[in-house]
């Protein structure tokens, strides 16, 4: 079979050559009878052809262009036996084709003969294939039996390449789950040929991600930032819910969400990519918020809002976004405190800008600002707590960082300034939740006004159609990016390190 396929491949090359040569009415053996001249047949890229012809001007050589296709010129080069033409051909990327010495006659006759040989080979290969199928079905039960046996041996063979061994023993070491640990322990007790040792590593254990079902599809969002360490909280379930809430609030529309849902789940069904599952789920939340906003393909007169329309309640949505931001940042600091408690980092728990000192300072500042907005003055008692907490956070760099005291004092000042600025900027950053909800309604309004200015129903429909497509594609992508930004920058950076490694055990390949 392999020999026949190799012959077929060679025939295909020869047929390609003689397809181009068939217009030439010269017997090929005449080329071989030349004594003081040699010849070469092949093709050269059209972009190099003119330069190649010029390079032959000072040589005793003749180039005959006998065919041309999209990218190549097919040429015969006849040259004096005393000259060296190989270097010129190599520079020009000349692709040579050989005419076998046993071929004779004009190219058209040779082409007919080659095509008949090719058909004959095709039938011969087909007959071999039929013979193979016949053999297979005659021996199928035995073949399956041996295949299963060999497949098991292949798995064992692959495993031995990832372990160490001596002349008489295999040594397997690594991490495993608690369930598998006890299974191995019990098995080793009943088998005299196995010695089972339990020992500890200095390094952190790999992380076994336990998300299932709906939350499993959102793991890739967390992994793009980093894999959770085994000693910190896996934020995937929280991230999943926040992602959908952020996206739905910024891109709330029943029609646009329906398109995203259909597109996302349709591609997910074909590609099994978690990204498109997330897009499909985000489309569902867009539809939910679209019902709350009363928006269908941008139109706000089709259904009544179950909540409020963003364009009619601008201040309300902007303030709601800030409250949302306060809640999210507080949640991030609480998660950081939990991580510190789990790792018994008591000093960092107190001094960390996202620990007890940080969350206390953040809420005292917020409470004081709200008090001032209501009563017109900043509460004096707050100054004492604020200054005390700022000093505690400032001492973090001096106590924990290495270096000279002067350097630590300066570094601590700038870090403190960044922390205080971060409380403000991160909180205000959540205004984008309300801003993009307004932007979504405003962008459609712009297309709607343009459609009304045409005074033509067909043009009006085309503008609205184009506008909706642009909103779904462009704004849908921008909102997706903004959602990731809020989660990665404002949320993750306060509690999540993401410097772990995922537990990926060796598995039997089915």
Protein backbone atom coordinates (compact mmCIF):
# COMPACT_ATOMS: atom_id res chain seq x y z
CA UNK A 1 0.00 0.00 0.00
CA UNK A 2 2.78 2.43 0.96
CA UNK A 3 4.75 1.61 -2.19
CA UNK A 4 1.69 2.23 -4.36
CA UNK A 5 0.97 5.55 -2.63
CA UNK A 6 4.59 6.63 -3.18
CA UNK A 7 4.27 5.75 -6.88
CA UNK A 8 1.01 7.71 -7.06
CA UNK A 9 2.69 10.73 -5.50
CA UNK A 10 5.52 10.60 -8.08
CA UNK A 11 3.00 10.20 -10.91
CA UNK A 12 1.10 13.26 -9.70
CA UNK A 13 4.31 15.31 -10.00
CA UNK A 14 5.03 13.97 -13.48
CA UNK A 15 1.44 14.55 -14.62
CA UNK A 16 1.66 18.14 -13.39
CA UNK A 17 4.80 18.63 -15.52
CA UNK A 18 3.44 17.03 -18.71
CA UNK A 19 0.15 18.91 -18.34
CA UNK A 20 2.24 22.06 -18.88
CA UNK A 21 4.45 20.50 -21.58
CA UNK A 22 1.60 19.10 -23.72
CA UNK A 23 1.54 22.13 -26.04
CA UNK A 24 5.16 21.43 -27.08
CA UNK A 25 5.36 19.20 -30.18
CA UNK A 26 8.92 17.90 -29.63
CA UNK A 27 9.94 14.39 -28.66
CA UNK A 28 11.51 14.44 -25.18
CA UNK A 29 14.29 12.03 -26.14
CA UNK A 30 15.76 14.74 -28.39
CA UNK A 31 16.75 16.68 -25.28
CA UNK A 32 18.75 13.71 -24.03
CA UNK A 33 20.64 13.37 -27.35
CA UNK A 34 22.26 16.82 -27.03
CA UNK A 35 26.03 16.55 -26.63
CA UNK A 36 27.37 20.09 -25.99
CA UNK A 37 24.22 21.35 -24.32
CA UNK A 38 22.28 20.47 -21.17
CA UNK A 39 18.69 21.21 -20.21
CA UNK A 40 16.56 21.73 -17.12
CA UNK A 41 12.75 21.84 -16.82
CA UNK A 42 10.86 23.42 -13.94
CA UNK A 43 9.02 26.43 -12.60
CA UNK A 44 9.98 29.72 -11.05
CA UNK A 45 7.93 32.26 -9.11
CA UNK A 46 6.53 35.00 -11.37
CA UNK A 47 7.91 37.71 -9.08
CA UNK A 48 11.48 36.41 -9.67
CA UNK A 49 11.11 35.60 -13.39
CA UNK A 50 12.23 38.92 -14.97
CA UNK A 51 15.25 39.19 -12.66
CA UNK A 52 16.17 35.57 -13.49
CA UNK A 53 16.02 36.23 -17.26
CA UNK A 54 18.33 39.25 -16.82
CA UNK A 55 20.85 37.13 -14.90
CA UNK A 56 21.08 34.79 -17.94
CA UNK A 57 22.00 37.61 -20.39
CA UNK A 58 25.75 37.21 -19.83
CA UNK A 59 25.64 33.40 -19.96
CA UNK A 60 25.49 31.00 -22.89
CA UNK A 61 21.95 29.87 -22.01
CA UNK A 62 18.46 29.98 -23.50
CA UNK A 63 15.21 30.15 -21.49
CA UNK A 64 11.92 29.04 -23.08
CA UNK A 65 8.69 29.97 -21.25
CA UNK A 66 6.23 27.24 -22.23
CA UNK A 67 3.41 27.72 -19.68
CA UNK A 68 2.15 30.04 -16.99
CA UNK A 69 -0.24 29.71 -14.04
CA UNK A 70 -1.31 32.02 -11.20
CA UNK A 71 2.02 32.25 -9.37
CA UNK A 72 4.64 30.50 -11.52
CA UNK A 73 6.28 30.58 -14.94
CA UNK A 74 7.18 27.15 -16.38
CA UNK A 75 10.46 27.20 -18.30
CA UNK A 76 12.96 25.01 -20.18
CA UNK A 77 16.57 26.19 -19.82
CA UNK A 78 19.09 24.99 -22.44
CA UNK A 79 22.70 25.88 -21.60
CA UNK A 80 26.31 25.14 -22.48
CA UNK A 81 27.79 22.18 -20.61
CA UNK A 82 30.83 24.26 -19.66
CA UNK A 83 28.96 26.85 -17.58
CA UNK A 84 27.81 26.53 -13.96
CA UNK A 85 24.15 27.53 -13.77
CA UNK A 86 23.28 25.94 -10.41
CA UNK A 87 24.02 29.07 -8.32
CA UNK A 88 21.74 31.27 -10.47
CA UNK A 89 18.93 28.68 -10.23
CA UNK A 90 19.31 28.41 -6.44
CA UNK A 91 19.11 32.19 -5.93
CA UNK A 92 15.97 32.34 -8.11
CA UNK A 93 14.30 29.47 -6.14
CA UNK A 94 13.99 27.40 -9.30
CA UNK A 95 11.93 24.22 -8.70
CA UNK A 96 13.24 21.52 -11.01
CA UNK A 97 11.14 18.68 -12.47
CA UNK A 98 12.84 15.60 -13.90
CA UNK A 99 11.83 13.78 -17.08
CA UNK A 100 12.61 10.06 -16.55
CA UNK A 101 15.08 8.67 -19.10
CA UNK A 102 12.75 5.84 -20.14
CA UNK A 103 10.12 8.32 -21.42
CA UNK A 104 9.96 8.91 -25.18
CA UNK A 105 7.58 10.61 -27.56
CA UNK A 106 5.83 13.98 -27.49
CA UNK A 107 4.53 15.26 -24.11
CA UNK A 108 0.87 14.86 -25.06
CA UNK A 109 1.30 11.11 -25.71
CA UNK A 110 3.33 10.67 -22.49
CA UNK A 111 0.57 12.50 -20.54
CA UNK A 112 -2.06 10.04 -21.79
CA UNK A 113 0.12 7.13 -20.71
CA UNK A 114 0.73 8.68 -17.25
CA UNK A 115 -2.97 9.34 -16.71
CA UNK A 116 -3.76 5.70 -17.51
CA UNK A 117 -1.07 4.55 -15.06
CA UNK A 118 -2.52 6.85 -12.42
CA UNK A 119 -6.02 5.43 -12.86
CA UNK A 120 -4.62 1.91 -12.71
CA UNK A 121 -2.84 2.72 -9.43
CA UNK A 122 -6.02 4.20 -7.99
CA UNK A 123 -7.92 0.98 -8.72
CA UNK A 124 -5.09 -1.12 -7.30
CA UNK A 125 -5.07 0.91 -4.06
CA UNK A 126 -8.84 0.63 -3.85
CA UNK A 127 -8.61 -3.16 -4.28
CA UNK A 128 -6.04 -3.34 -1.45
CA UNK A 129 -8.35 -1.30 0.75
CA UNK A 130 -11.17 -3.73 0.07
CA UNK A 131 -8.83 -6.63 0.92
CA UNK A 132 -7.94 -4.92 4.21
CA UNK A 133 -11.61 -4.48 5.07
CA UNK A 134 -12.25 -8.13 4.24
CA UNK A 135 -9.40 -9.21 6.53
CA UNK A 136 -10.61 -6.91 9.28
CA UNK A 137 -14.18 -8.24 9.34
CA UNK A 138 -12.94 -11.82 9.17
CA UNK A 139 -10.78 -11.23 12.26
CA UNK A 140 -12.59 -8.37 14.00
CA UNK A 141 -13.14 -10.12 17.34
CA UNK A 142 -9.45 -11.04 17.66
CA UNK A 143 -8.34 -7.56 16.58
CA UNK A 144 -10.51 -5.87 19.22
CA UNK A 145 -9.25 -8.27 21.86
CA UNK A 146 -5.60 -7.52 21.10
CA UNK A 147 -6.28 -3.82 20.67
CA UNK A 148 -7.65 -3.55 24.21
CA UNK A 149 -4.68 -5.48 25.55
CA UNK A 150 -2.15 -3.30 23.69
CA UNK A 151 -4.00 -0.12 24.76
CA UNK A 152 -3.62 -1.10 28.43
CA UNK A 153 0.10 -1.79 27.91
CA UNK A 154 0.47 1.59 26.16
CA UNK A 155 -0.99 3.36 29.22
CA UNK A 156 1.42 1.50 31.49
CA UNK A 157 4.33 2.30 29.16
CA UNK A 158 3.46 6.03 29.21
CA UNK A 159 3.30 5.95 33.01
CA UNK A 160 6.77 4.41 33.34
CA UNK A 161 8.25 7.39 31.47
CA UNK A 162 7.13 9.76 34.23
CA UNK A 163 8.51 7.78 37.16
CA UNK A 164 11.90 6.61 38.42
CA UNK A 165 12.94 2.98 38.62
CA UNK A 166 15.81 0.74 39.63
CA UNK A 167 16.63 -2.76 38.42
CA UNK A 168 13.88 -4.28 40.55
CA UNK A 169 11.58 -1.48 41.70
CA UNK A 170 9.49 1.41 40.45
CA UNK A 171 9.41 4.58 42.53
CA UNK A 172 6.29 6.76 42.20
CA UNK A 173 6.11 10.03 44.17
CA UNK A 174 3.77 12.97 43.99
CA UNK A 175 0.55 14.53 45.20
CA UNK A 176 -2.82 12.87 45.35
CA UNK A 177 -6.28 13.52 46.72
CA UNK A 178 -7.30 12.34 50.18
CA UNK A 179 -9.66 9.76 48.69
CA UNK A 180 -6.99 8.22 46.47
CA UNK A 181 -4.51 8.36 49.35
CA UNK A 182 -6.62 6.03 51.49
CA UNK A 183 -7.30 3.75 48.54
CA UNK A 184 -3.55 3.39 47.97
CA UNK A 185 -2.91 2.91 51.69
CA UNK A 186 -5.46 0.09 51.96
CA UNK A 187 -4.18 -1.53 48.76
CA UNK A 188 -0.57 -1.43 49.99
CA UNK A 189 -1.54 -3.20 53.24
CA UNK A 190 -2.84 -6.17 51.29
CA UNK A 191 0.10 -6.32 48.87
CA UNK A 192 3.58 -7.35 50.03
CA UNK A 193 5.24 -5.97 46.92
CA UNK A 194 4.27 -2.36 47.66
CA UNK A 195 5.89 -0.03 50.19
CA UNK A 196 3.73 3.03 50.85
CA UNK A 197 5.40 6.07 52.47
CA UNK A 198 3.68 9.28 53.54
CA UNK A 199 5.95 12.31 53.71
CA UNK A 200 5.56 16.10 53.54
CA UNK A 201 6.90 18.65 51.06
CA UNK A 202 8.28 22.09 51.80
CA UNK A 203 6.46 23.44 48.76
CA UNK A 204 2.75 24.22 48.61
CA UNK A 205 0.38 21.50 47.53
CA UNK A 206 -1.13 21.88 44.05
CA UNK A 207 -4.67 23.20 43.86
CA UNK A 208 -7.57 20.85 43.23
CA UNK A 209 -10.32 22.99 41.71
CA UNK A 210 -13.66 21.57 42.82
CA UNK A 211 -16.06 23.69 40.78
CA UNK A 212 -18.79 21.70 39.08
CA UNK A 213 -21.58 22.29 36.60
CA UNK A 214 -22.36 25.94 35.96
CA UNK A 215 -19.34 27.32 37.88
CA UNK A 216 -16.86 25.01 36.09
CA UNK A 217 -17.27 27.03 32.88
CA UNK A 218 -16.08 30.21 34.62
CA UNK A 219 -12.78 28.75 35.82
CA UNK A 220 -10.97 29.99 32.71
CA UNK A 221 -11.66 33.61 33.76
CA UNK A 222 -9.84 33.02 37.05
CA UNK A 223 -7.03 31.07 35.35
CA UNK A 224 -6.36 33.97 32.94
CA UNK A 225 -5.36 35.96 36.04
CA UNK A 226 -3.72 33.03 37.87
CA UNK A 227 -4.39 29.66 39.48
CA UNK A 228 -5.53 29.86 43.12
CA UNK A 229 -3.02 28.57 45.67
CA UNK A 230 -4.08 25.65 47.82
CA UNK A 231 -4.05 27.96 50.87
CA UNK A 232 -6.34 30.65 49.45
CA UNK A 233 -10.00 30.90 48.51
CA UNK A 234 -10.97 29.81 45.00
CA UNK A 235 -12.92 32.87 43.80
CA UNK A 236 -14.58 31.12 40.84
CA UNK A 237 -18.16 30.91 42.28
CA UNK A 238 -18.06 34.57 43.41
CA UNK A 239 -16.53 35.69 40.12
CA UNK A 240 -19.19 33.82 38.14
CA UNK A 241 -22.05 35.66 39.85
CA UNK A 242 -20.35 39.08 39.79
CA UNK A 243 -19.40 38.70 36.13
CA UNK A 244 -23.00 38.06 35.10
CA UNK A 245 -24.36 40.88 37.29
CA UNK A 246 -21.81 43.37 35.92
CA UNK A 247 -22.44 42.34 32.31
CA UNK A 248 -26.22 42.34 32.63
CA UNK A 249 -26.28 45.76 34.32
CA UNK A 250 -24.04 47.36 31.65
CA UNK A 251 -25.66 45.62 28.65
CA UNK A 252 -29.31 45.24 29.64
CA UNK A 253 -31.50 44.58 26.62
CA UNK A 254 -33.91 41.72 25.88
CA UNK A 255 -33.22 41.61 22.12
CA UNK A 256 -29.46 42.01 22.22
CA UNK A 257 -29.19 39.55 25.10
CA UNK A 258 -31.27 37.02 23.14
CA UNK A 259 -28.84 37.24 20.19
CA UNK A 260 -25.85 36.77 22.52
CA UNK A 261 -27.53 33.78 24.15
CA UNK A 262 -28.28 32.06 20.82
CA UNK A 263 -24.81 32.80 19.43
CA UNK A 264 -22.96 31.80 22.62
CA UNK A 265 -24.70 28.47 23.23
CA UNK A 266 -24.72 27.57 19.52
CA UNK A 267 -20.92 27.96 19.26
CA UNK A 268 -20.46 26.26 22.65
CA UNK A 269 -22.43 23.24 21.42
CA UNK A 270 -20.06 22.94 18.45
CA UNK A 271 -16.70 23.93 19.97
CA UNK A 272 -17.26 23.08 23.67
CA UNK A 273 -15.40 26.28 24.57
CA UNK A 274 -16.13 27.74 28.01
CA UNK A 275 -15.78 31.25 26.58
CA UNK A 276 -18.92 30.85 24.49
CA UNK A 277 -20.79 29.27 27.41
CA UNK A 278 -19.99 32.43 29.41
CA UNK A 279 -21.17 34.60 26.49
CA UNK A 280 -24.42 32.65 26.28
CA UNK A 281 -25.00 32.93 30.03
CA UNK A 282 -24.14 36.65 29.95
CA UNK A 283 -26.80 37.02 27.24
CA UNK A 284 -29.40 35.55 29.62
CA UNK A 285 -28.51 38.15 32.27
CA UNK A 286 -28.66 40.86 29.59
CA UNK A 287 -32.21 39.73 28.90
CA UNK A 288 -33.06 39.78 32.63
CA UNK A 289 -31.78 43.34 33.01
CA UNK A 290 -33.46 44.22 29.71
CA UNK A 291 -36.79 43.29 31.30
CA UNK A 292 -35.88 45.37 34.36
CA UNK A 293 -34.97 48.33 32.11
CA UNK A 294 -37.86 47.81 29.66
CA UNK A 295 -35.53 47.68 26.60
CA UNK A 296 -35.98 45.46 23.52
CA UNK A 297 -33.46 46.05 20.70
CA UNK A 298 -33.08 49.57 22.14
CA UNK A 299 -36.79 50.38 21.97
CA UNK A 300 -38.26 51.39 25.33
CA UNK A 301 -41.92 51.48 24.34
CA UNK A 302 -42.45 47.76 23.70
CA UNK A 303 -42.51 46.55 27.32
CA UNK A 304 -42.82 48.36 30.63
CA UNK A 305 -39.76 48.30 32.90
CA UNK A 306 -40.02 46.19 36.02
CA UNK A 307 -37.47 48.50 37.66
CA UNK A 308 -36.26 51.79 36.14
CA UNK A 309 -35.02 53.07 32.80
CA UNK A 310 -31.34 54.21 32.95
CA UNK A 311 -31.87 57.31 30.76
CA UNK A 312 -34.74 58.51 32.95
CA UNK A 313 -32.83 57.95 36.20
CA UNK A 314 -29.22 58.95 35.51
CA UNK A 315 -28.24 60.06 39.04
CA UNK A 316 -29.93 57.03 40.56
CA UNK A 317 -27.90 54.55 38.46
CA UNK A 318 -24.61 56.39 38.96
CA UNK A 319 -25.06 56.43 42.74
CA UNK A 320 -26.20 52.80 42.70
CA UNK A 321 -22.97 51.92 40.87
CA UNK A 322 -20.93 53.57 43.63
CA UNK A 323 -22.85 51.62 46.30
CA UNK A 324 -22.21 48.50 44.28
CA UNK A 325 -18.48 49.35 44.22
CA UNK A 326 -18.39 49.87 48.00
CA UNK A 327 -19.98 46.44 48.49
CA UNK A 328 -17.56 44.70 46.10
CA UNK A 329 -14.44 46.29 47.61
CA UNK A 330 -15.65 45.41 51.11
CA UNK A 331 -16.22 41.80 50.00
CA UNK A 332 -12.69 41.69 48.53
CA UNK A 333 -11.18 42.87 51.83
CA UNK A 334 -13.24 40.34 53.81
CA UNK A 335 -11.95 37.57 51.53
CA UNK A 336 -8.40 38.84 52.08
CA UNK A 337 -8.92 38.69 55.86
CA UNK A 338 -10.19 35.09 55.53
CA UNK A 339 -7.09 34.15 53.50
CA UNK A 340 -4.80 35.71 56.11
CA UNK A 341 -6.58 33.83 58.92
CA UNK A 342 -6.29 30.55 56.97
CA UNK A 343 -2.55 31.11 56.53
CA UNK A 344 -2.09 32.36 60.11
CA UNK A 345 -0.50 35.59 58.93
CA UNK A 346 -1.55 37.51 62.01
CA UNK A 347 0.73 40.52 61.59
CA UNK A 348 -0.34 41.07 57.97
CA UNK A 349 -3.93 40.58 59.10
CA UNK A 350 -3.63 43.74 61.19
CA UNK A 351 -1.30 45.94 59.12
CA UNK A 352 -2.35 45.01 55.56
CA UNK A 353 -4.21 47.77 53.63
CA UNK A 354 -6.80 45.11 52.80
CA UNK A 355 -6.81 43.62 56.31
CA UNK A 356 -8.43 44.83 59.51
CA UNK A 357 -6.71 48.23 59.38
CA UNK A 358 -7.66 48.73 55.73
CA UNK A 359 -11.32 47.75 55.97
CA UNK A 360 -11.71 49.83 59.17
CA UNK A 361 -10.12 52.89 57.51
CA UNK A 362 -12.24 52.44 54.37
CA UNK A 363 -15.53 52.29 56.26
CA UNK A 364 -14.67 55.11 58.68
CA UNK A 365 -13.84 57.30 55.68
CA UNK A 366 -17.09 56.31 53.96
CA UNK A 367 -19.17 56.86 57.09
CA UNK A 368 -17.56 60.24 57.71
CA UNK A 369 -18.15 61.36 54.11
CA UNK A 370 -21.81 60.33 54.23
CA UNK A 371 -22.17 62.08 57.60
CA UNK A 372 -20.65 65.25 56.15
CA UNK A 373 -22.98 65.11 53.11
CA UNK A 374 -25.98 64.88 55.43
CA UNK A 375 -24.94 67.29 58.22
CA UNK A 376 -22.55 69.63 56.46
CA UNK A 377 -19.40 68.95 58.55
CA UNK A 378 -16.83 66.20 59.03
CA UNK A 379 -17.11 64.42 62.43
CA UNK A 380 -14.13 65.32 64.62
CA UNK A 381 -13.89 61.95 66.30
CA UNK A 382 -13.23 60.37 62.89
CA UNK A 383 -9.90 62.23 62.65
CA UNK A 384 -8.52 60.26 65.60
CA UNK A 385 -9.43 56.87 64.09
CA UNK A 386 -8.36 57.85 60.57
CA UNK A 387 -4.93 59.11 61.66
CA UNK A 388 -4.38 56.06 63.89
CA UNK A 389 -5.28 53.60 61.11
CA UNK A 390 -3.14 55.48 58.56
CA UNK A 391 -0.17 55.16 60.93
CA UNK A 392 -0.79 51.41 61.31
CA UNK A 393 -0.87 50.92 57.51
CA UNK A 394 2.23 53.15 57.15
CA UNK A 395 4.12 50.98 59.66
CA UNK A 396 3.58 47.91 57.42
CA UNK A 397 6.40 48.90 55.06
CA UNK A 398 8.73 49.81 57.94
CA UNK A 399 8.12 46.55 59.83
CA UNK A 400 7.93 44.01 57.01
CA UNK A 401 10.06 45.41 54.17
CA UNK A 402 13.84 44.93 54.01
CA UNK A 403 16.32 47.77 53.52
CA UNK A 404 17.58 50.90 55.21
CA UNK A 405 15.25 52.83 57.46
CA UNK A 406 15.34 55.97 55.30
CA UNK A 407 14.42 53.99 52.19
CA UNK A 408 11.59 52.24 54.01
CA UNK A 409 10.20 55.56 55.28
CA UNK A 410 10.09 57.01 51.76
CA UNK A 411 8.75 53.80 50.24
CA UNK A 412 6.10 53.54 52.95
CA UNK A 413 4.94 57.10 52.26
CA UNK A 414 4.38 56.45 48.56
CA UNK A 415 2.71 53.09 49.23
CA UNK A 416 0.38 54.78 51.73
CA UNK A 417 -0.46 57.46 49.18
CA UNK A 418 -1.22 54.75 46.59
CA UNK A 419 -3.45 52.89 49.09
CA UNK A 420 -5.50 56.00 49.95
CA UNK A 421 -5.80 56.94 46.29
CA UNK A 422 -6.81 53.34 45.48
CA UNK A 423 -9.73 53.44 47.92
CA UNK A 424 -11.12 56.45 46.05
CA UNK A 425 -10.29 55.44 42.46
CA UNK A 426 -11.41 51.81 42.85
CA UNK A 427 -14.75 52.87 44.34
CA UNK A 428 -15.41 55.48 41.65
CA UNK A 429 -14.33 53.00 38.97
CA UNK A 430 -17.62 51.16 39.47
CA UNK A 431 -19.45 54.20 38.04
CA UNK A 432 -18.85 52.47 34.70
CA UNK A 433 -21.68 50.04 35.62
CA UNK A 434 -24.22 52.83 35.42
CA UNK A 435 -22.33 54.74 32.71
CA UNK A 436 -22.38 51.83 30.27
CA UNK A 437 -26.06 51.22 30.97
CA UNK A 438 -26.63 54.86 29.95
CA UNK A 439 -24.24 54.48 27.02
CA UNK A 440 -26.18 51.46 25.75
CA UNK A 441 -29.45 53.41 25.68
CA UNK A 442 -27.78 56.56 24.30
CA UNK A 443 -26.04 54.73 21.44
CA UNK A 444 -29.29 53.24 20.21
CA UNK A 445 -30.98 56.64 20.57
CA UNK A 446 -28.37 58.11 18.21
CA UNK A 447 -29.12 55.49 15.54
CA UNK A 448 -32.85 55.93 16.08
CA UNK A 449 -32.59 59.71 15.49
CA UNK A 450 -30.56 59.14 12.31
CA UNK A 451 -33.18 56.67 11.04
CA UNK A 452 -35.97 59.20 11.63
CA UNK A 453 -34.09 61.89 9.71
CA UNK A 454 -34.14 59.83 6.49
CA UNK A 455 -37.98 60.01 6.11
CA UNK A 456 -37.70 56.71 4.25
CA UNK A 457 -38.91 53.44 5.77
CA UNK A 458 -36.36 51.25 3.94
CA UNK A 459 -33.37 53.45 4.82
CA UNK A 460 -34.68 53.79 8.35
CA UNK A 461 -34.83 50.00 8.70
CA UNK A 462 -31.29 49.58 7.30
CA UNK A 463 -29.87 52.17 9.75
CA UNK A 464 -31.60 50.54 12.72
CA UNK A 465 -30.45 47.08 11.60
CA UNK A 466 -26.86 48.25 11.19
CA UNK A 467 -27.05 50.08 14.52
CA UNK A 468 -28.24 46.99 16.39
CA UNK A 469 -25.54 44.83 14.80
CA UNK A 470 -22.88 47.37 15.80
CA UNK A 471 -24.24 47.56 19.36
CA UNK A 472 -24.26 43.77 19.79
CA UNK A 473 -20.77 43.26 18.32
CA UNK A 474 -18.85 46.36 19.39
CA UNK A 475 -20.53 47.32 22.65
CA UNK A 476 -20.97 43.69 23.65
CA UNK A 477 -17.17 43.22 23.31
CA UNK A 478 -16.36 46.47 25.15
CA UNK A 479 -18.67 45.57 28.05
CA UNK A 480 -17.05 42.11 28.23
CA UNK A 481 -13.62 43.74 28.55
CA UNK A 482 -14.86 46.26 31.13
CA UNK A 483 -16.39 43.45 33.18
CA UNK A 484 -13.06 41.61 33.23
CA UNK A 485 -11.29 44.84 34.18
CA UNK A 486 -13.54 45.41 37.21
CA UNK A 487 -12.98 41.85 38.38
CA UNK A 488 -9.23 41.70 37.77
CA UNK A 489 -8.13 45.18 38.84
CA UNK A 490 -10.65 46.37 41.44
CA UNK A 491 -11.58 42.98 42.94
CA UNK A 492 -8.79 40.41 42.50
CA UNK A 493 -5.86 42.64 43.43
CA UNK A 494 -7.17 43.05 47.00
CA UNK A 495 -7.18 39.39 48.01
CA UNK A 496 -6.09 37.05 45.21
CA UNK A 497 -2.45 36.19 44.43
CA UNK A 498 -3.07 33.50 41.81
CA UNK A 499 0.44 32.00 42.10
CA UNK A 500 -0.67 28.41 42.59
CA UNK A 501 -0.47 25.43 40.24
CA UNK A 502 -3.40 23.25 39.29
CA UNK A 503 -3.52 19.62 40.37
CA UNK A 504 -3.31 17.59 37.15
CA UNK A 505 -2.88 13.92 38.05
CA UNK A 506 -1.73 11.21 35.69
CA UNK A 507 -4.85 9.55 34.32
CA UNK A 508 -5.66 6.41 32.45
CA UNK A 509 -6.36 7.36 28.83
CA UNK A 510 -9.65 5.94 27.67
